[in-house]
Amino acid sequence: MILDLFFPNRCLHCSTIIDADLLVCNLCFNQIHFTHYHYFTENSTKEKCRLLFPVENTYALMQFGEENLSRKIIHELKYRGRETTGKILAAWVTERLDFKNEKPDLLVSVPLHYKKQRERGYNQLHVFTEALSAFYHIPFDHHLIKRNHYSKAQALKDKKHRLETENMFSVTKPVSGKHILLIDDVFTTGNTAATIAWEILNAGDNKVSVLVMAMDE
């Protein structure tokens, strides 16, 4: 492609020219802090989730450090409009995560408010979730959960805003008897995952597991 000659794809970390379907060069790939978590065993994500809501299993692909390469990768996905990053991250997950014979029934990603999605042009989690769905043959639903408020829950302090935080998400349709894998980019406090998980759990006889691209240690 002519554009590749003038605007070649470069490694996010060292700026070396790399193939168009890569994020980092081979040398920098070794600097990514993968968690090496096992989905079915104890890990720090599961421990933090259990303090907030009943969780079945958890998986985090990378560790999200203050200055590490994982942070650059997530920012590339969220803020620079590079949707293919989601496919690459999904491929890294599929190389490491085996659901064995206990696959979840449905994949659900954390939604953006429609105004924010319109501003960004896309939800960074959709491509990632759809790629996982295709690989594992698990259906996804981008509309099961709705974000009700265009705001940052962590920063809200007064009574009105606390009420909005409590009702930040809602389930849009009946769902019961399902094991739902909730997907997000970064797990920090766990408040977002917990809020959505309780909506799913209270909607019916459901179970929730969690998968995140990165875990803020």
N, C-alpha and C. Protein backbone atom coordinates (compact mmCIF):
# COMPACT_ATOMS: atom_id res chain seq x y z
N MET A 1 0.84 -1.20 0.00
CA MET A 1 0.00 0.00 0.00
C MET A 1 0.88 1.26 0.00
N ILE A 2 0.44 2.26 -0.77
CA ILE A 2 1.21 3.49 -0.86
C ILE A 2 1.27 4.19 0.50
N LEU A 3 0.14 4.17 1.23
CA LEU A 3 0.12 4.83 2.54
C LEU A 3 1.12 4.22 3.50
N ASP A 4 1.35 2.91 3.37
CA ASP A 4 2.31 2.24 4.26
C ASP A 4 3.72 2.75 4.02
N LEU A 5 3.99 3.19 2.80
CA LEU A 5 5.32 3.72 2.49
C LEU A 5 5.55 5.06 3.17
N PHE A 6 4.51 5.89 3.19
CA PHE A 6 4.64 7.23 3.77
C PHE A 6 4.32 7.26 5.26
N PHE A 7 3.44 6.36 5.71
CA PHE A 7 3.04 6.31 7.11
C PHE A 7 3.13 4.87 7.62
N PRO A 8 4.33 4.35 7.73
CA PRO A 8 4.49 2.95 8.16
C PRO A 8 4.05 2.74 9.60
N ASN A 9 3.59 1.54 9.89
CA ASN A 9 3.21 1.20 11.26
C ASN A 9 4.45 1.09 12.12
N ARG A 10 4.42 1.68 13.29
CA ARG A 10 5.59 1.69 14.16
C ARG A 10 5.25 1.11 15.53
N CYS A 11 6.22 0.50 16.13
CA CYS A 11 6.09 -0.05 17.48
C CYS A 11 5.68 1.06 18.45
N LEU A 12 4.70 0.76 19.28
CA LEU A 12 4.22 1.76 20.24
C LEU A 12 5.29 2.18 21.23
N HIS A 13 6.26 1.32 21.44
CA HIS A 13 7.25 1.57 22.50
C HIS A 13 8.54 2.18 21.98
N CYS A 14 9.08 1.61 20.89
CA CYS A 14 10.40 2.08 20.43
C CYS A 14 10.37 2.73 19.05
N SER A 15 9.20 2.73 18.40
CA SER A 15 8.99 3.36 17.10
C SER A 15 9.66 2.65 15.93
N THR A 16 10.15 1.44 16.14
CA THR A 16 10.67 0.64 15.03
C THR A 16 9.54 0.32 14.06
N ILE A 17 9.81 0.34 12.77
CA ILE A 17 8.80 -0.01 11.77
C ILE A 17 8.48 -1.49 11.87
N ILE A 18 7.18 -1.81 11.95
CA ILE A 18 6.71 -3.19 12.11
C ILE A 18 5.57 -3.47 11.14
N ASP A 19 5.19 -4.72 11.04
CA ASP A 19 4.07 -5.10 10.18
C ASP A 19 2.81 -4.38 10.60
N ALA A 20 1.90 -4.20 9.67
CA ALA A 20 0.68 -3.43 9.91
C ALA A 20 -0.24 -4.08 10.93
N ASP A 21 -0.13 -5.39 11.10
CA ASP A 21 -1.03 -6.09 12.03
C ASP A 21 -0.42 -6.31 13.40
N LEU A 22 0.63 -5.56 13.72
CA LEU A 22 1.28 -5.67 15.02
C LEU A 22 1.15 -4.36 15.80
N LEU A 23 1.31 -4.47 17.12
CA LEU A 23 1.33 -3.28 17.97
C LEU A 23 2.73 -2.90 18.40
N VAL A 24 3.55 -3.92 18.66
CA VAL A 24 4.91 -3.71 19.13
C VAL A 24 5.85 -4.66 18.41
N CYS A 25 7.13 -4.35 18.44
CA CYS A 25 8.13 -5.22 17.83
C CYS A 25 8.39 -6.41 18.75
N ASN A 26 9.13 -7.39 18.25
CA ASN A 26 9.39 -8.59 19.03
C ASN A 26 10.13 -8.31 20.33
N LEU A 27 11.08 -7.38 20.28
CA LEU A 27 11.85 -7.06 21.49
C LEU A 27 10.95 -6.41 22.55
N CYS A 28 10.12 -5.48 22.13
CA CYS A 28 9.25 -4.78 23.08
C CYS A 28 8.12 -5.67 23.58
N PHE A 29 7.71 -6.64 22.76
CA PHE A 29 6.66 -7.57 23.19
C PHE A 29 7.05 -8.24 24.50
N ASN A 30 8.33 -8.52 24.66
CA ASN A 30 8.81 -9.18 25.88
C ASN A 30 8.74 -8.27 27.10
N GLN A 31 8.47 -6.99 26.88
CA GLN A 31 8.36 -6.06 28.01
C GLN A 31 6.92 -5.87 28.49
N ILE A 32 5.98 -6.50 27.80
CA ILE A 32 4.59 -6.42 28.23
C ILE A 32 4.42 -7.27 29.48
N HIS A 33 3.79 -6.73 30.49
CA HIS A 33 3.60 -7.44 31.75
C HIS A 33 2.31 -8.26 31.71
N PHE A 34 2.38 -9.43 31.10
CA PHE A 34 1.24 -10.33 31.12
C PHE A 34 1.08 -10.91 32.52
N THR A 35 -0.15 -11.14 32.93
CA THR A 35 -0.40 -11.59 34.30
C THR A 35 -0.13 -13.07 34.50
N HIS A 36 -0.34 -13.87 33.43
CA HIS A 36 -0.25 -15.34 33.53
C HIS A 36 -1.28 -15.89 34.52
N TYR A 37 -2.41 -15.19 34.64
CA TYR A 37 -3.51 -15.67 35.48
C TYR A 37 -4.13 -16.93 34.87
N HIS A 38 -4.73 -17.73 35.74
CA HIS A 38 -5.55 -18.86 35.29
C HIS A 38 -7.00 -18.54 35.62
N TYR A 39 -7.86 -18.70 34.64
CA TYR A 39 -9.27 -18.32 34.75
C TYR A 39 -9.98 -19.03 35.89
N PHE A 40 -9.65 -20.29 36.12
CA PHE A 40 -10.39 -21.09 37.09
C PHE A 40 -9.78 -21.10 38.50
N THR A 41 -8.62 -20.49 38.67
CA THR A 41 -7.97 -20.52 39.97
C THR A 41 -7.96 -19.14 40.62
N GLU A 42 -7.50 -19.08 41.83
CA GLU A 42 -7.47 -17.82 42.57
C GLU A 42 -6.46 -16.85 41.93
N ASN A 43 -6.84 -15.59 41.87
CA ASN A 43 -5.93 -14.54 41.41
C ASN A 43 -6.39 -13.23 42.04
N SER A 44 -5.59 -12.19 41.88
CA SER A 44 -5.90 -10.94 42.59
C SER A 44 -7.18 -10.29 42.08
N THR A 45 -7.50 -10.47 40.80
CA THR A 45 -8.75 -9.92 40.29
C THR A 45 -9.95 -10.58 40.95
N LYS A 46 -9.87 -11.89 41.09
CA LYS A 46 -10.97 -12.62 41.73
C LYS A 46 -11.12 -12.19 43.19
N GLU A 47 -10.00 -12.02 43.87
CA GLU A 47 -10.04 -11.61 45.27
C GLU A 47 -10.71 -10.25 45.42
N LYS A 48 -10.38 -9.32 44.53
CA LYS A 48 -10.97 -7.97 44.62
C LYS A 48 -12.45 -8.00 44.25
N CYS A 49 -12.80 -8.80 43.26
CA CYS A 49 -14.22 -8.90 42.87
C CYS A 49 -15.05 -9.46 44.02
N ARG A 50 -14.53 -10.47 44.69
CA ARG A 50 -15.30 -11.13 45.75
C ARG A 50 -15.59 -10.20 46.93
N LEU A 51 -14.82 -9.15 47.06
CA LEU A 51 -15.12 -8.16 48.10
C LEU A 51 -16.34 -7.32 47.75
N LEU A 52 -16.73 -7.35 46.45
CA LEU A 52 -17.78 -6.47 45.95
C LEU A 52 -19.04 -7.20 45.48
N PHE A 53 -18.88 -8.40 44.96
CA PHE A 53 -20.03 -9.15 44.43
C PHE A 53 -19.64 -10.61 44.24
N PRO A 54 -20.62 -11.51 44.18
CA PRO A 54 -20.32 -12.93 43.93
C PRO A 54 -19.82 -13.11 42.50
N VAL A 55 -18.65 -13.67 42.35
CA VAL A 55 -18.06 -13.86 41.02
C VAL A 55 -17.67 -15.32 40.85
N GLU A 56 -17.81 -15.82 39.64
CA GLU A 56 -17.46 -17.20 39.35
C GLU A 56 -15.97 -17.33 39.05
N ASN A 57 -15.54 -16.72 37.95
CA ASN A 57 -14.14 -16.79 37.52
C ASN A 57 -13.69 -15.43 37.01
N THR A 58 -12.38 -15.21 36.97
CA THR A 58 -11.87 -13.95 36.47
C THR A 58 -10.59 -14.17 35.67
N TYR A 59 -10.35 -13.25 34.74
CA TYR A 59 -9.11 -13.29 33.96
C TYR A 59 -8.69 -11.88 33.60
N ALA A 60 -7.42 -11.57 33.80
CA ALA A 60 -6.84 -10.29 33.37
C ALA A 60 -5.64 -10.60 32.49
N LEU A 61 -5.59 -10.00 31.31
CA LEU A 61 -4.52 -10.28 30.37
C LEU A 61 -3.19 -9.67 30.80
N MET A 62 -3.22 -8.37 31.18
CA MET A 62 -1.98 -7.65 31.47
C MET A 62 -2.07 -6.93 32.81
N GLN A 63 -0.93 -6.50 33.31
CA GLN A 63 -0.88 -5.63 34.47
C GLN A 63 -0.78 -4.19 33.98
N PHE A 64 -1.55 -3.31 34.59
CA PHE A 64 -1.67 -1.92 34.15
C PHE A 64 -0.86 -1.05 35.09
N GLY A 65 0.39 -0.80 34.74
CA GLY A 65 1.27 -0.02 35.59
C GLY A 65 1.29 1.45 35.21
N GLU A 66 1.92 2.24 36.05
CA GLU A 66 1.94 3.68 35.87
C GLU A 66 2.60 4.09 34.57
N GLU A 67 3.71 3.48 34.23
CA GLU A 67 4.45 3.86 33.03
C GLU A 67 4.71 2.68 32.10
N ASN A 68 4.05 1.55 32.31
CA ASN A 68 4.44 0.38 31.53
C ASN A 68 3.78 0.35 30.16
N LEU A 69 4.20 -0.62 29.35
CA LEU A 69 3.75 -0.72 27.97
C LEU A 69 2.27 -1.06 27.88
N SER A 70 1.76 -1.78 28.85
CA SER A 70 0.34 -2.13 28.85
C SER A 70 -0.53 -0.87 28.83
N ARG A 71 -0.11 0.14 29.57
CA ARG A 71 -0.86 1.40 29.61
C ARG A 71 -0.88 2.04 28.22
N LYS A 72 0.24 2.04 27.53
CA LYS A 72 0.29 2.60 26.18
C LYS A 72 -0.64 1.86 25.24
N ILE A 73 -0.69 0.55 25.38
CA ILE A 73 -1.53 -0.27 24.51
C ILE A 73 -3.01 0.04 24.75
N ILE A 74 -3.42 0.14 26.02
CA ILE A 74 -4.81 0.44 26.33
C ILE A 74 -5.18 1.83 25.85
N HIS A 75 -4.29 2.79 26.01
CA HIS A 75 -4.56 4.14 25.55
C HIS A 75 -4.67 4.20 24.03
N GLU A 76 -3.88 3.40 23.36
CA GLU A 76 -3.96 3.33 21.89
C GLU A 76 -5.35 2.87 21.47
N LEU A 77 -5.88 1.92 22.19
CA LEU A 77 -7.21 1.39 21.88
C LEU A 77 -8.30 2.40 22.22
N LYS A 78 -8.21 3.02 23.39
CA LYS A 78 -9.31 3.86 23.88
C LYS A 78 -9.37 5.23 23.23
N TYR A 79 -8.21 5.84 23.00
CA TYR A 79 -8.21 7.26 22.68
C TYR A 79 -7.69 7.62 21.29
N ARG A 80 -7.16 6.66 20.56
CA ARG A 80 -6.58 7.00 19.27
C ARG A 80 -7.33 6.38 18.09
N GLY A 81 -8.50 5.83 18.38
CA GLY A 81 -9.36 5.36 17.31
C GLY A 81 -8.82 4.18 16.52
N ARG A 82 -7.91 3.43 17.11
CA ARG A 82 -7.32 2.30 16.40
C ARG A 82 -8.05 1.02 16.81
N GLU A 83 -9.13 0.72 16.12
CA GLU A 83 -9.98 -0.39 16.49
C GLU A 83 -9.29 -1.74 16.35
N THR A 84 -8.32 -1.84 15.42
CA THR A 84 -7.64 -3.13 15.22
C THR A 84 -6.88 -3.56 16.47
N THR A 85 -6.58 -2.63 17.35
CA THR A 85 -5.91 -2.99 18.60
C THR A 85 -6.76 -3.98 19.38
N GLY A 86 -8.08 -3.83 19.32
CA GLY A 86 -8.97 -4.77 20.00
C GLY A 86 -8.82 -6.19 19.49
N LYS A 87 -8.65 -6.33 18.18
CA LYS A 87 -8.46 -7.67 17.60
C LYS A 87 -7.14 -8.29 18.05
N ILE A 88 -6.11 -7.47 18.12
CA ILE A 88 -4.80 -7.97 18.54
C ILE A 88 -4.84 -8.41 20.00
N LEU A 89 -5.46 -7.60 20.85
CA LEU A 89 -5.58 -7.97 22.26
C LEU A 89 -6.42 -9.24 22.43
N ALA A 90 -7.46 -9.37 21.64
CA ALA A 90 -8.28 -10.58 21.70
C ALA A 90 -7.46 -11.81 21.31
N ALA A 91 -6.60 -11.67 20.31
CA ALA A 91 -5.74 -12.78 19.90
C ALA A 91 -4.79 -13.18 21.03
N TRP A 92 -4.29 -12.19 21.75
CA TRP A 92 -3.42 -12.50 22.90
C TRP A 92 -4.18 -13.26 23.97
N VAL A 93 -5.45 -12.90 24.17
CA VAL A 93 -6.26 -13.62 25.15
C VAL A 93 -6.47 -15.06 24.71
N THR A 94 -6.85 -15.26 23.46
CA THR A 94 -7.17 -16.62 23.00
C THR A 94 -5.95 -17.54 23.03
N GLU A 95 -4.76 -16.96 22.97
CA GLU A 95 -3.54 -17.78 23.08
C GLU A 95 -3.31 -18.25 24.51
N ARG A 96 -3.97 -17.61 25.47
CA ARG A 96 -3.69 -17.88 26.88
C ARG A 96 -4.87 -18.42 27.69
N LEU A 97 -6.07 -18.19 27.22
CA LEU A 97 -7.27 -18.54 28.00
C LEU A 97 -8.03 -19.69 27.36
N ASP A 98 -8.19 -20.75 28.13
CA ASP A 98 -8.96 -21.91 27.70
C ASP A 98 -10.14 -22.10 28.66
N PHE A 99 -11.35 -21.94 28.15
CA PHE A 99 -12.54 -22.12 28.98
C PHE A 99 -12.84 -23.59 29.27
N LYS A 100 -12.13 -24.48 28.58
CA LYS A 100 -12.35 -25.92 28.72
C LYS A 100 -13.81 -26.24 28.41
N ASN A 101 -14.47 -26.95 29.29
CA ASN A 101 -15.88 -27.30 29.05
C ASN A 101 -16.83 -26.44 29.86
N GLU A 102 -16.34 -25.26 30.31
CA GLU A 102 -17.17 -24.40 31.15
C GLU A 102 -17.26 -22.99 30.56
N LYS A 103 -17.56 -22.93 29.29
CA LYS A 103 -17.68 -21.63 28.64
C LYS A 103 -18.88 -20.86 29.18
N PRO A 104 -18.75 -19.55 29.31
CA PRO A 104 -19.92 -18.74 29.68
C PRO A 104 -20.94 -18.78 28.56
N ASP A 105 -22.16 -18.38 28.88
CA ASP A 105 -23.25 -18.41 27.90
C ASP A 105 -23.29 -17.17 27.02
N LEU A 106 -22.76 -16.06 27.55
CA LEU A 106 -22.93 -14.78 26.85
C LEU A 106 -21.79 -13.84 27.21
N LEU A 107 -21.31 -13.08 26.21
CA LEU A 107 -20.29 -12.06 26.43
C LEU A 107 -20.96 -10.69 26.43
N VAL A 108 -20.68 -9.91 27.47
CA VAL A 108 -21.26 -8.57 27.60
C VAL A 108 -20.15 -7.60 27.99
N SER A 109 -19.97 -6.55 27.21
CA SER A 109 -18.93 -5.56 27.52
C SER A 109 -19.53 -4.34 28.20
N VAL A 110 -18.72 -3.65 28.96
CA VAL A 110 -19.15 -2.43 29.65
C VAL A 110 -19.52 -1.38 28.60
N PRO A 111 -20.74 -0.85 28.64
CA PRO A 111 -21.16 0.11 27.62
C PRO A 111 -20.68 1.51 27.87
N LEU A 112 -20.51 2.26 26.80
CA LEU A 112 -20.32 3.70 26.89
C LEU A 112 -21.69 4.36 26.86
N HIS A 113 -21.80 5.56 27.42
CA HIS A 113 -23.00 6.35 27.21
C HIS A 113 -23.06 6.70 25.72
N TYR A 114 -24.25 6.76 25.17
CA TYR A 114 -24.37 6.98 23.72
C TYR A 114 -23.70 8.27 23.27
N LYS A 115 -23.67 9.30 24.14
CA LYS A 115 -23.01 10.55 23.77
C LYS A 115 -21.50 10.36 23.65
N LYS A 116 -20.93 9.62 24.60
CA LYS A 116 -19.49 9.39 24.55
C LYS A 116 -19.13 8.50 23.38
N GLN A 117 -19.97 7.50 23.11
CA GLN A 117 -19.70 6.63 21.96
C GLN A 117 -19.76 7.42 20.66
N ARG A 118 -20.68 8.37 20.60
CA ARG A 118 -20.77 9.21 19.40
C ARG A 118 -19.54 10.10 19.27
N GLU A 119 -19.01 10.58 20.39
CA GLU A 119 -17.81 11.41 20.35
C GLU A 119 -16.60 10.61 19.88
N ARG A 120 -16.46 9.39 20.40
CA ARG A 120 -15.30 8.55 20.04
C ARG A 120 -15.47 7.89 18.68
N GLY A 121 -16.71 7.66 18.30
CA GLY A 121 -16.97 7.00 17.03
C GLY A 121 -17.15 5.50 17.15
N TYR A 122 -16.80 4.94 18.28
CA TYR A 122 -16.94 3.50 18.50
C TYR A 122 -16.72 3.19 19.97
N ASN A 123 -17.18 2.02 20.39
CA ASN A 123 -16.87 1.51 21.73
C ASN A 123 -15.65 0.62 21.60
N GLN A 124 -14.58 0.95 22.30
CA GLN A 124 -13.31 0.23 22.15
C GLN A 124 -13.42 -1.24 22.52
N LEU A 125 -14.45 -1.60 23.28
CA LEU A 125 -14.59 -2.99 23.71
C LEU A 125 -15.35 -3.86 22.72
N HIS A 126 -16.06 -3.24 21.79
CA HIS A 126 -16.89 -4.03 20.88
C HIS A 126 -16.07 -4.94 19.96
N VAL A 127 -15.03 -4.39 19.35
CA VAL A 127 -14.20 -5.20 18.45
C VAL A 127 -13.53 -6.33 19.23
N PHE A 128 -13.04 -6.01 20.40
CA PHE A 128 -12.41 -7.00 21.27
C PHE A 128 -13.39 -8.12 21.61
N THR A 129 -14.58 -7.75 22.03
CA THR A 129 -15.60 -8.73 22.41
C THR A 129 -16.04 -9.58 21.23
N GLU A 130 -16.22 -8.95 20.09
CA GLU A 130 -16.65 -9.69 18.90
C GLU A 130 -15.59 -10.67 18.42
N ALA A 131 -14.33 -10.30 18.56
CA ALA A 131 -13.25 -11.22 18.19
C ALA A 131 -13.22 -12.43 19.12
N LEU A 132 -13.43 -12.21 20.41
CA LEU A 132 -13.50 -13.32 21.36
C LEU A 132 -14.70 -14.21 21.06
N SER A 133 -15.82 -13.58 20.74
CA SER A 133 -17.03 -14.32 20.41
C SER A 133 -16.81 -15.25 19.23
N ALA A 134 -16.15 -14.75 18.19
CA ALA A 134 -15.91 -15.55 17.00
C ALA A 134 -14.98 -16.72 17.29
N PHE A 135 -13.97 -16.49 18.12
CA PHE A 135 -13.00 -17.54 18.41
C PHE A 135 -13.60 -18.64 19.29
N TYR A 136 -14.29 -18.22 20.35
CA TYR A 136 -14.79 -19.19 21.33
C TYR A 136 -16.20 -19.70 21.00
N HIS A 137 -16.81 -19.12 19.98
CA HIS A 137 -18.19 -19.49 19.61
C HIS A 137 -19.16 -19.26 20.78
N ILE A 138 -19.04 -18.06 21.36
CA ILE A 138 -19.94 -17.63 22.43
C ILE A 138 -20.66 -16.38 21.94
N PRO A 139 -21.96 -16.32 22.01
CA PRO A 139 -22.67 -15.12 21.55
C PRO A 139 -22.36 -13.90 22.42
N PHE A 140 -22.53 -12.72 21.84
CA PHE A 140 -22.35 -11.48 22.58
C PHE A 140 -23.62 -10.65 22.47
N ASP A 141 -23.78 -9.71 23.39
CA ASP A 141 -24.92 -8.79 23.36
C ASP A 141 -24.43 -7.42 23.80
N HIS A 142 -24.34 -6.50 22.83
CA HIS A 142 -23.88 -5.14 23.14
C HIS A 142 -24.98 -4.27 23.73
N HIS A 143 -26.20 -4.79 23.80
CA HIS A 143 -27.33 -3.95 24.22
C HIS A 143 -27.99 -4.43 25.51
N LEU A 144 -27.47 -5.49 26.11
CA LEU A 144 -28.08 -6.00 27.34
C LEU A 144 -27.97 -4.99 28.49
N ILE A 145 -26.83 -4.30 28.56
CA ILE A 145 -26.58 -3.33 29.63
C ILE A 145 -26.55 -1.92 29.03
N LYS A 146 -27.23 -1.01 29.70
CA LYS A 146 -27.28 0.39 29.27
C LYS A 146 -26.64 1.27 30.32
N ARG A 147 -25.79 2.19 29.88
CA ARG A 147 -25.24 3.20 30.79
C ARG A 147 -26.22 4.37 30.83
N ASN A 148 -26.71 4.70 31.99
CA ASN A 148 -27.80 5.68 32.11
C ASN A 148 -27.35 7.13 32.23
N HIS A 149 -26.10 7.35 32.64
CA HIS A 149 -25.68 8.72 32.89
C HIS A 149 -24.36 9.01 32.20
N TYR A 150 -24.26 10.21 31.67
CA TYR A 150 -23.04 10.66 31.02
C TYR A 150 -22.19 11.39 32.05
N SER A 151 -21.45 10.62 32.83
CA SER A 151 -20.67 11.21 33.91
C SER A 151 -19.64 10.20 34.39
N LYS A 152 -18.71 10.68 35.20
CA LYS A 152 -17.71 9.82 35.80
C LYS A 152 -18.10 9.55 37.24
N ALA A 153 -18.53 8.33 37.50
CA ALA A 153 -19.07 8.01 38.83
C ALA A 153 -18.08 8.25 39.95
N GLN A 154 -16.80 8.01 39.68
CA GLN A 154 -15.81 8.12 40.76
C GLN A 154 -15.72 9.55 41.30
N ALA A 155 -16.05 10.53 40.47
CA ALA A 155 -15.88 11.93 40.88
C ALA A 155 -17.13 12.55 41.47
N LEU A 156 -18.22 11.80 41.50
CA LEU A 156 -19.46 12.38 41.97
C LEU A 156 -19.56 12.29 43.49
N LYS A 157 -19.98 13.39 44.12
CA LYS A 157 -19.91 13.44 45.58
C LYS A 157 -21.25 13.69 46.27
N ASP A 158 -22.08 14.61 45.73
CA ASP A 158 -23.28 14.99 46.47
C ASP A 158 -24.37 13.93 46.39
N LYS A 159 -25.46 14.15 47.13
CA LYS A 159 -26.51 13.14 47.25
C LYS A 159 -27.12 12.79 45.91
N LYS A 160 -27.40 13.79 45.09
CA LYS A 160 -27.99 13.54 43.78
C LYS A 160 -27.08 12.66 42.93
N HIS A 161 -25.80 12.99 42.95
CA HIS A 161 -24.86 12.24 42.13
C HIS A 161 -24.64 10.84 42.68
N ARG A 162 -24.71 10.69 43.99
CA ARG A 162 -24.59 9.33 44.55
C ARG A 162 -25.75 8.47 44.09
N LEU A 163 -26.94 9.08 44.00
CA LEU A 163 -28.10 8.33 43.52
C LEU A 163 -27.90 7.94 42.06
N GLU A 164 -27.34 8.84 41.27
CA GLU A 164 -27.06 8.53 39.87
C GLU A 164 -26.04 7.40 39.77
N THR A 165 -25.06 7.39 40.65
CA THR A 165 -24.05 6.35 40.64
C THR A 165 -24.67 4.99 40.91
N GLU A 166 -25.60 4.99 41.85
CA GLU A 166 -26.25 3.73 42.19
C GLU A 166 -27.07 3.19 41.02
N ASN A 167 -27.52 4.09 40.16
CA ASN A 167 -28.33 3.70 39.01
C ASN A 167 -27.59 3.97 37.70
N MET A 168 -26.28 3.79 37.73
CA MET A 168 -25.46 4.12 36.56
C MET A 168 -25.75 3.20 35.39
N PHE A 169 -26.07 1.93 35.66
CA PHE A 169 -26.34 0.96 34.60
C PHE A 169 -27.68 0.28 34.84
N SER A 170 -28.27 -0.23 33.78
CA SER A 170 -29.50 -1.00 33.92
C SER A 170 -29.53 -2.11 32.88
N VAL A 171 -30.25 -3.18 33.20
CA VAL A 171 -30.46 -4.28 32.27
C VAL A 171 -31.65 -3.93 31.39
N THR A 172 -31.52 -4.09 30.09
CA THR A 172 -32.53 -3.60 29.15
C THR A 172 -33.55 -4.65 28.74
N LYS A 173 -33.31 -5.91 29.08
CA LYS A 173 -34.23 -6.96 28.65
C LYS A 173 -34.17 -8.10 29.66
N PRO A 174 -35.16 -8.97 29.68
CA PRO A 174 -35.14 -10.10 30.62
C PRO A 174 -33.94 -11.02 30.35
N VAL A 175 -33.27 -11.41 31.41
CA VAL A 175 -32.17 -12.37 31.31
C VAL A 175 -32.13 -13.18 32.59
N SER A 176 -32.13 -14.50 32.44
CA SER A 176 -32.15 -15.37 33.61
C SER A 176 -31.52 -16.71 33.25
N GLY A 177 -30.90 -17.31 34.24
CA GLY A 177 -30.28 -18.62 34.04
C GLY A 177 -29.06 -18.60 33.16
N LYS A 178 -28.40 -17.45 33.06
CA LYS A 178 -27.24 -17.31 32.18
C LYS A 178 -25.95 -17.10 32.99
N HIS A 179 -24.86 -17.65 32.47
CA HIS A 179 -23.52 -17.35 32.98
C HIS A 179 -22.93 -16.31 32.04
N ILE A 180 -22.81 -15.08 32.53
CA ILE A 180 -22.40 -13.95 31.70
C ILE A 180 -20.96 -13.56 32.00
N LEU A 181 -20.17 -13.44 30.95
CA LEU A 181 -18.78 -12.97 31.09
C LEU A 181 -18.78 -11.47 30.83
N LEU A 182 -18.51 -10.69 31.86
CA LEU A 182 -18.48 -9.24 31.77
C LEU A 182 -17.08 -8.80 31.36
N ILE A 183 -16.99 -8.00 30.31
CA ILE A 183 -15.71 -7.62 29.72
C ILE A 183 -15.48 -6.11 29.86
N ASP A 184 -14.28 -5.75 30.33
CA ASP A 184 -13.91 -4.33 30.47
C ASP A 184 -12.45 -4.17 30.06
N ASP A 185 -12.03 -2.91 29.91
CA ASP A 185 -10.64 -2.68 29.52
C ASP A 185 -9.70 -2.76 30.73
N VAL A 186 -9.94 -1.92 31.75
CA VAL A 186 -9.05 -1.89 32.91
C VAL A 186 -9.86 -2.06 34.20
N PHE A 187 -9.40 -2.92 35.08
CA PHE A 187 -10.00 -3.10 36.39
C PHE A 187 -9.20 -2.29 37.39
N THR A 188 -9.83 -1.28 37.98
CA THR A 188 -9.14 -0.44 38.98
C THR A 188 -9.79 -0.68 40.35
N THR A 189 -10.80 0.09 40.68
CA THR A 189 -11.47 -0.10 41.97
C THR A 189 -12.46 -1.27 41.93
N GLY A 190 -12.95 -1.60 40.75
CA GLY A 190 -13.95 -2.65 40.62
C GLY A 190 -15.37 -2.15 40.75
N ASN A 191 -15.55 -0.83 40.95
CA ASN A 191 -16.89 -0.29 41.14
C ASN A 191 -17.78 -0.46 39.91
N THR A 192 -17.21 -0.25 38.73
CA THR A 192 -17.99 -0.41 37.51
C THR A 192 -18.45 -1.85 37.34
N ALA A 193 -17.50 -2.79 37.49
CA ALA A 193 -17.84 -4.20 37.35
C ALA A 193 -18.89 -4.62 38.38
N ALA A 194 -18.74 -4.13 39.60
CA ALA A 194 -19.67 -4.49 40.66
C ALA A 194 -21.08 -3.96 40.38
N THR A 195 -21.16 -2.72 39.93
CA THR A 195 -22.47 -2.13 39.64
C THR A 195 -23.20 -2.93 38.57
N ILE A 196 -22.49 -3.26 37.49
CA ILE A 196 -23.11 -4.03 36.41
C ILE A 196 -23.42 -5.45 36.87
N ALA A 197 -22.50 -6.06 37.61
CA ALA A 197 -22.70 -7.44 38.06
C ALA A 197 -23.97 -7.56 38.90
N TRP A 198 -24.19 -6.61 39.81
CA TRP A 198 -25.38 -6.68 40.65
C TRP A 198 -26.66 -6.51 39.83
N GLU A 199 -26.61 -5.69 38.79
CA GLU A 199 -27.77 -5.56 37.90
C GLU A 199 -28.08 -6.90 37.23
N ILE A 200 -27.03 -7.58 36.78
CA ILE A 200 -27.21 -8.89 36.13
C ILE A 200 -27.70 -9.93 37.13
N LEU A 201 -27.08 -9.96 38.29
CA LEU A 201 -27.46 -10.95 39.31
C LEU A 201 -28.89 -10.75 39.80
N ASN A 202 -29.29 -9.51 39.95
CA ASN A 202 -30.63 -9.21 40.44
C ASN A 202 -31.71 -9.38 39.37
N ALA A 203 -31.28 -9.49 38.11
CA ALA A 203 -32.25 -9.64 37.01
C ALA A 203 -32.82 -11.05 36.94
N GLY A 204 -32.12 -12.02 37.52
CA GLY A 204 -32.58 -13.40 37.46
C GLY A 204 -31.56 -14.34 38.05
N ASP A 205 -31.73 -15.59 37.81
CA ASP A 205 -30.83 -16.60 38.35
C ASP A 205 -29.58 -16.70 37.48
N ASN A 206 -28.76 -15.64 37.53
CA ASN A 206 -27.58 -15.54 36.67
C ASN A 206 -26.29 -15.69 37.46
N LYS A 207 -25.22 -15.97 36.73
CA LYS A 207 -23.86 -15.99 37.29
C LYS A 207 -23.00 -15.02 36.48
N VAL A 208 -21.98 -14.47 37.14
CA VAL A 208 -21.12 -13.48 36.48
C VAL A 208 -19.66 -13.87 36.64
N SER A 209 -18.93 -13.84 35.53
CA SER A 209 -17.48 -13.90 35.54
C SER A 209 -16.95 -12.61 34.91
N VAL A 210 -15.66 -12.35 35.08
CA VAL A 210 -15.10 -11.08 34.62
C VAL A 210 -13.82 -11.33 33.82
N LEU A 211 -13.71 -10.62 32.70
CA LEU A 211 -12.49 -10.64 31.88
C LEU A 211 -12.10 -9.20 31.59
N VAL A 212 -10.86 -8.84 31.88
CA VAL A 212 -10.38 -7.48 31.60
C VAL A 212 -9.08 -7.54 30.82
N MET A 213 -8.85 -6.51 30.01
CA MET A 213 -7.61 -6.42 29.28
C MET A 213 -6.42 -6.21 30.21
N ALA A 214 -6.65 -5.43 31.26
CA ALA A 214 -5.55 -5.12 32.17
C ALA A 214 -6.06 -4.94 33.60
N MET A 215 -5.22 -5.31 34.54
CA MET A 215 -5.53 -5.20 35.97
C MET A 215 -4.61 -4.17 36.58
N ASP A 216 -5.19 -3.14 37.20
CA ASP A 216 -4.41 -2.12 37.87
C ASP A 216 -3.98 -2.66 39.22
N GLU A 217 -2.72 -3.07 39.33
CA GLU A 217 -2.22 -3.68 40.55
C GLU A 217 -1.92 -2.61 41.60
